[in-house]
N, C-alpha and C. Protein backbone atom coordinates (compact mmCIF):
# COMPACT_ATOMS: atom_id res chain seq x y z
N MET A 1 -67.47 167.85 -7.54
CA MET A 1 -68.52 168.26 -8.31
C MET A 1 -68.53 167.88 -9.88
N LEU A 2 -69.70 167.13 -10.13
CA LEU A 2 -69.54 166.80 -11.81
C LEU A 2 -70.23 167.73 -12.74
N SER A 3 -69.22 167.83 -13.64
CA SER A 3 -69.84 168.85 -14.70
C SER A 3 -70.10 168.22 -16.03
N ARG A 4 -71.09 168.56 -16.57
CA ARG A 4 -71.55 168.21 -18.02
C ARG A 4 -70.64 169.19 -18.99
N GLY A 5 -70.01 167.99 -20.03
CA GLY A 5 -69.20 168.62 -20.90
C GLY A 5 -70.26 168.41 -22.14
N THR A 6 -69.83 169.31 -22.91
CA THR A 6 -70.54 169.70 -24.37
C THR A 6 -69.54 168.72 -25.52
N THR A 7 -70.58 168.34 -26.10
CA THR A 7 -69.65 167.35 -27.37
C THR A 7 -69.92 168.34 -28.84
N GLY A 8 -69.93 169.53 -28.75
CA GLY A 8 -70.12 170.30 -30.15
C GLY A 8 -71.63 170.13 -30.63
N ALA A 9 -71.57 170.80 -31.78
CA ALA A 9 -73.33 171.07 -32.33
C ALA A 9 -73.77 169.67 -32.83
N ARG A 10 -74.88 169.28 -32.17
CA ARG A 10 -75.48 168.25 -32.67
C ARG A 10 -77.12 168.59 -33.43
N LYS A 11 -77.59 167.46 -34.37
CA LYS A 11 -79.01 167.52 -34.84
C LYS A 11 -79.72 167.77 -33.61
N PRO A 12 -81.11 168.24 -33.80
CA PRO A 12 -82.09 167.74 -32.74
C PRO A 12 -82.79 166.53 -33.13
N GLY A 13 -82.70 165.63 -32.02
CA GLY A 13 -83.28 164.39 -32.22
C GLY A 13 -82.59 163.65 -32.51
N SER A 14 -80.94 163.55 -32.95
CA SER A 14 -80.08 162.66 -32.99
C SER A 14 -79.51 161.76 -32.32
N ILE A 15 -80.00 162.17 -30.91
CA ILE A 15 -79.34 161.14 -29.69
C ILE A 15 -80.73 160.31 -29.73
N LYS A 16 -81.37 159.20 -29.49
CA LYS A 16 -82.52 158.57 -29.05
C LYS A 16 -82.35 158.35 -27.49
N SER A 17 -83.08 158.53 -26.66
CA SER A 17 -83.39 158.31 -25.64
C SER A 17 -84.00 156.70 -25.48
N SER A 18 -83.46 156.11 -24.29
CA SER A 18 -83.64 154.83 -23.82
C SER A 18 -83.64 154.89 -22.62
N SER A 19 -84.38 153.72 -22.01
CA SER A 19 -84.20 153.74 -20.54
C SER A 19 -84.77 152.29 -20.34
N SER A 20 -83.60 151.59 -19.46
CA SER A 20 -83.75 150.08 -19.14
C SER A 20 -84.58 149.96 -17.72
N LYS A 21 -85.19 148.81 -17.71
CA LYS A 21 -85.96 148.32 -16.72
C LYS A 21 -85.44 148.78 -15.15
N ASP A 22 -84.06 148.38 -15.26
CA ASP A 22 -83.38 148.75 -14.23
C ASP A 22 -83.51 150.17 -13.49
N SER A 23 -83.23 151.51 -14.44
CA SER A 23 -83.34 152.63 -14.12
C SER A 23 -84.54 153.21 -13.77
N LEU A 24 -86.02 152.40 -14.66
CA LEU A 24 -87.35 152.89 -14.21
C LEU A 24 -87.21 152.21 -12.96
N ASP A 25 -86.94 150.75 -12.57
CA ASP A 25 -87.25 149.94 -11.27
C ASP A 25 -86.70 151.42 -10.03
N SER A 26 -85.64 151.61 -10.12
CA SER A 26 -84.85 152.68 -9.09
C SER A 26 -85.78 153.84 -8.88
N ASN A 27 -86.27 154.30 -10.03
CA ASN A 27 -87.02 155.54 -10.16
C ASN A 27 -88.14 155.72 -9.06
N SER A 28 -88.98 154.30 -9.56
CA SER A 28 -90.20 154.02 -9.25
C SER A 28 -89.98 154.00 -7.72
N GLN A 29 -88.78 153.26 -7.08
CA GLN A 29 -88.20 152.90 -5.73
C GLN A 29 -87.91 154.40 -5.01
N ALA A 30 -87.29 155.05 -5.53
CA ALA A 30 -87.36 156.29 -5.08
C ALA A 30 -88.25 157.20 -4.90
N LYS A 31 -89.48 157.13 -5.81
CA LYS A 31 -90.57 158.11 -5.64
C LYS A 31 -91.34 157.40 -4.40
N GLU A 32 -91.53 155.87 -4.34
CA GLU A 32 -92.22 155.42 -3.24
C GLU A 32 -91.55 155.83 -2.02
N HIS A 33 -90.34 155.81 -1.78
CA HIS A 33 -89.67 155.91 -0.51
C HIS A 33 -90.22 157.65 -0.37
N LYS A 34 -90.32 158.35 -1.13
CA LYS A 34 -90.54 159.78 -0.86
C LYS A 34 -91.62 159.87 -0.36
N LYS A 35 -92.84 158.74 -0.77
CA LYS A 35 -94.14 158.69 -0.15
C LYS A 35 -94.34 158.55 0.92
N SER A 36 -93.20 157.38 1.38
CA SER A 36 -93.75 156.62 2.49
C SER A 36 -92.84 157.00 3.57
N SER A 37 -91.73 158.10 3.74
CA SER A 37 -91.14 158.19 4.66
C SER A 37 -92.01 159.65 4.98
N SER A 38 -92.13 159.74 6.31
CA SER A 38 -92.62 160.70 7.09
C SER A 38 -92.18 160.93 8.22
N GLY A 39 -91.16 160.22 8.60
CA GLY A 39 -90.34 160.61 9.82
C GLY A 39 -89.31 161.62 10.09
N PRO A 40 -88.53 162.45 10.60
CA PRO A 40 -87.89 163.24 10.62
C PRO A 40 -86.53 163.07 9.59
N THR A 41 -86.05 163.95 9.18
CA THR A 41 -84.88 163.91 8.35
C THR A 41 -83.74 164.69 9.04
N VAL A 42 -82.56 164.32 8.80
CA VAL A 42 -81.45 165.11 9.03
C VAL A 42 -81.33 166.47 8.78
N GLY A 43 -81.63 167.07 7.97
CA GLY A 43 -82.23 168.43 7.84
C GLY A 43 -82.70 169.07 8.78
N THR A 44 -83.52 168.75 9.31
CA THR A 44 -84.70 169.02 10.25
C THR A 44 -84.31 169.65 11.29
N GLN A 45 -83.40 168.55 12.21
CA GLN A 45 -82.35 168.50 13.21
C GLN A 45 -81.85 170.21 13.43
N THR A 46 -82.16 170.86 14.67
CA THR A 46 -81.08 171.74 14.95
C THR A 46 -80.17 171.32 15.58
N SER A 47 -78.96 172.27 15.72
CA SER A 47 -78.09 171.52 16.60
C SER A 47 -78.31 171.39 18.14
N GLU A 48 -79.48 172.39 18.70
CA GLU A 48 -79.87 171.88 20.28
C GLU A 48 -80.34 170.48 20.07
N SER A 49 -81.45 170.22 19.27
CA SER A 49 -82.05 168.83 19.31
C SER A 49 -81.41 167.67 19.21
N ALA A 50 -80.50 167.76 18.39
CA ALA A 50 -79.38 166.91 17.64
C ALA A 50 -78.90 166.13 19.23
N GLY A 51 -78.44 166.68 19.94
CA GLY A 51 -77.71 166.09 21.47
C GLY A 51 -78.94 165.04 21.98
N LYS A 52 -80.30 165.56 22.11
CA LYS A 52 -81.28 165.17 22.78
C LYS A 52 -82.07 164.37 21.95
N ALA A 53 -81.80 163.33 21.01
CA ALA A 53 -82.41 162.97 20.05
C ALA A 53 -82.41 161.36 20.99
N SER A 54 -84.15 161.03 20.85
CA SER A 54 -84.05 159.86 21.62
C SER A 54 -83.79 158.71 20.55
N PRO A 55 -83.49 157.30 21.17
CA PRO A 55 -83.43 155.96 20.51
C PRO A 55 -84.03 156.24 19.40
N SER A 56 -85.11 156.27 19.49
CA SER A 56 -86.18 155.55 18.50
C SER A 56 -86.01 156.79 17.21
N THR A 57 -85.53 158.01 17.64
CA THR A 57 -85.28 158.77 16.16
C THR A 57 -84.11 158.68 15.65
N ILE A 58 -83.15 157.84 16.73
CA ILE A 58 -81.88 157.65 16.37
C ILE A 58 -81.68 156.13 15.01
N LEU A 59 -82.78 155.31 15.50
CA LEU A 59 -83.07 154.50 14.91
C LEU A 59 -83.72 154.52 13.50
N GLN A 60 -84.48 155.49 13.46
CA GLN A 60 -85.22 155.89 12.31
C GLN A 60 -84.19 156.51 11.49
N LEU A 61 -83.32 157.36 11.79
CA LEU A 61 -82.12 157.92 10.99
C LEU A 61 -81.38 157.28 10.52
N GLU A 62 -80.89 156.12 11.40
CA GLU A 62 -80.27 155.13 10.88
C GLU A 62 -80.75 154.16 9.86
N ARG A 63 -82.07 153.73 9.89
CA ARG A 63 -82.75 153.25 8.75
C ARG A 63 -82.64 154.09 7.67
N GLU A 64 -83.17 155.28 7.57
CA GLU A 64 -83.27 156.26 6.54
C GLU A 64 -81.85 156.70 5.78
N LYS A 65 -80.90 156.57 6.69
CA LYS A 65 -79.33 156.52 6.02
C LYS A 65 -79.52 155.04 5.42
N ALA A 66 -79.35 154.12 6.13
CA ALA A 66 -79.01 152.89 5.22
C ALA A 66 -80.12 152.80 4.08
N LEU A 67 -81.34 153.20 3.96
CA LEU A 67 -81.80 153.21 2.85
C LEU A 67 -81.20 154.07 1.66
N LEU A 68 -80.86 154.98 2.25
CA LEU A 68 -80.36 155.97 1.13
C LEU A 68 -79.21 155.48 0.32
N GLU A 69 -78.58 155.12 1.30
CA GLU A 69 -77.12 154.62 0.95
C GLU A 69 -77.43 153.35 -0.11
N GLN A 70 -78.52 152.70 0.11
CA GLN A 70 -78.38 151.35 -1.00
C GLN A 70 -79.06 152.21 -1.94
N GLN A 71 -79.70 153.30 -2.22
CA GLN A 71 -80.22 154.02 -3.11
C GLN A 71 -79.33 154.24 -4.05
N VAL A 72 -78.32 155.03 -3.28
CA VAL A 72 -77.14 155.63 -4.01
C VAL A 72 -76.35 154.36 -4.63
N SER A 73 -76.10 153.37 -4.02
CA SER A 73 -75.36 152.21 -4.39
C SER A 73 -76.26 151.81 -5.67
N GLU A 74 -77.51 151.52 -5.75
CA GLU A 74 -78.25 151.51 -7.13
C GLU A 74 -78.18 152.17 -8.08
N LEU A 75 -78.38 153.13 -7.83
CA LEU A 75 -77.62 154.55 -8.88
C LEU A 75 -76.61 154.22 -9.47
N VAL A 76 -75.55 154.03 -8.70
CA VAL A 76 -74.04 154.18 -8.84
C VAL A 76 -73.89 152.53 -9.72
N ARG A 77 -74.46 151.54 -9.61
CA ARG A 77 -74.44 150.55 -10.57
C ARG A 77 -75.12 150.87 -11.93
N ASN A 78 -76.48 151.31 -11.65
CA ASN A 78 -77.05 151.67 -12.76
C ASN A 78 -76.34 152.88 -14.03
N ALA A 79 -75.78 153.70 -13.24
CA ALA A 79 -74.61 154.67 -14.09
C ALA A 79 -73.89 153.81 -14.67
N GLU A 80 -72.97 152.78 -14.19
CA GLU A 80 -71.71 152.24 -14.67
C GLU A 80 -72.12 151.32 -15.63
N SER A 81 -73.44 150.73 -15.17
CA SER A 81 -74.24 150.07 -16.49
C SER A 81 -74.26 150.76 -17.83
N LYS A 82 -75.16 151.90 -17.94
CA LYS A 82 -74.99 152.93 -18.84
C LYS A 82 -73.96 152.86 -19.35
N LYS A 83 -72.66 153.29 -18.63
CA LYS A 83 -71.33 153.79 -19.15
C LYS A 83 -70.86 152.55 -20.07
N ALA A 84 -71.21 151.30 -19.69
CA ALA A 84 -70.62 150.53 -20.51
C ALA A 84 -71.69 149.99 -21.64
N GLU A 85 -73.10 150.67 -21.66
CA GLU A 85 -73.59 150.48 -22.42
C GLU A 85 -73.21 151.27 -23.89
N ILE A 86 -73.31 152.51 -23.16
CA ILE A 86 -72.84 153.77 -24.08
C ILE A 86 -71.30 152.98 -25.00
N ALA A 87 -70.59 152.79 -24.02
CA ALA A 87 -69.05 152.30 -24.81
C ALA A 87 -69.05 150.94 -25.90
N THR A 88 -70.27 150.59 -25.31
CA THR A 88 -70.62 149.36 -26.56
C THR A 88 -71.32 149.88 -28.00
N LEU A 89 -72.13 150.70 -27.56
CA LEU A 89 -72.97 151.43 -28.97
C LEU A 89 -71.78 152.32 -29.60
N ARG A 90 -70.89 152.95 -28.86
CA ARG A 90 -69.79 153.54 -29.56
C ARG A 90 -69.11 152.68 -30.67
N MET A 91 -68.27 151.59 -29.97
CA MET A 91 -67.75 150.65 -30.80
C MET A 91 -68.74 150.09 -31.84
N GLU A 92 -69.77 149.87 -31.83
CA GLU A 92 -70.59 149.31 -32.72
C GLU A 92 -70.67 150.51 -33.76
N ILE A 93 -71.02 151.64 -33.38
CA ILE A 93 -71.26 152.85 -34.37
C ILE A 93 -69.75 152.64 -35.31
N LYS A 94 -68.54 152.75 -34.77
CA LYS A 94 -67.16 152.71 -35.23
C LYS A 94 -67.19 151.71 -36.21
N HIS A 95 -67.49 150.63 -35.89
CA HIS A 95 -67.82 149.52 -36.95
C HIS A 95 -68.66 149.60 -38.00
N LEU A 96 -69.91 149.89 -37.97
CA LEU A 96 -70.61 150.03 -38.53
C LEU A 96 -70.03 151.07 -39.61
N LYS A 97 -69.41 152.05 -39.36
CA LYS A 97 -68.79 153.26 -40.30
C LYS A 97 -67.87 152.63 -40.77
N VAL A 98 -66.92 151.65 -40.08
CA VAL A 98 -65.97 151.20 -41.03
C VAL A 98 -66.57 150.30 -42.28
N GLU A 99 -67.22 149.67 -41.57
CA GLU A 99 -68.30 148.62 -42.87
C GLU A 99 -68.66 149.21 -43.90
N HIS A 100 -69.14 150.59 -43.87
CA HIS A 100 -69.89 151.65 -44.89
C HIS A 100 -68.96 151.81 -45.62
N LEU A 101 -67.56 152.16 -44.96
CA LEU A 101 -66.86 153.07 -45.79
C LEU A 101 -66.31 151.97 -47.05
N ASN A 102 -65.89 150.57 -46.03
CA ASN A 102 -65.71 149.51 -47.31
C ASN A 102 -66.81 148.92 -47.99
N PHE A 103 -67.92 149.06 -47.97
CA PHE A 103 -68.37 148.54 -48.99
C PHE A 103 -69.64 149.70 -49.51
N PRO A 104 -69.19 150.52 -49.95
CA PRO A 104 -70.11 151.87 -50.23
C PRO A 104 -71.29 151.12 -51.28
N PRO A 105 -72.34 151.85 -50.72
CA PRO A 105 -73.66 151.16 -51.61
C PRO A 105 -73.44 151.36 -53.25
N SER A 106 -74.31 150.24 -54.17
CA SER A 106 -73.62 150.29 -55.12
C SER A 106 -74.90 151.09 -56.09
């Protein structure tokens, strides 16, 4: 399980929120999928009915599983992209701090 780390006290509003087109697209796709999926889900099957599933139900569940795996994969890619963006911004901040210390305002 992932836990959120705390990074000391920060001023309110000191971090600006940004969202990329990719993350917005994945969010809208997830919402569309929730609206469009009306078939049975894995959580709704009982242990008795799981063994008696019809071939069409099994196919529907396999399609749903593949779609969910695709969404997870996209979310992982987006998270990795965000991590890379954060690392780049941290390096830029460090560079700007050093530059500011070397050239104080006149």
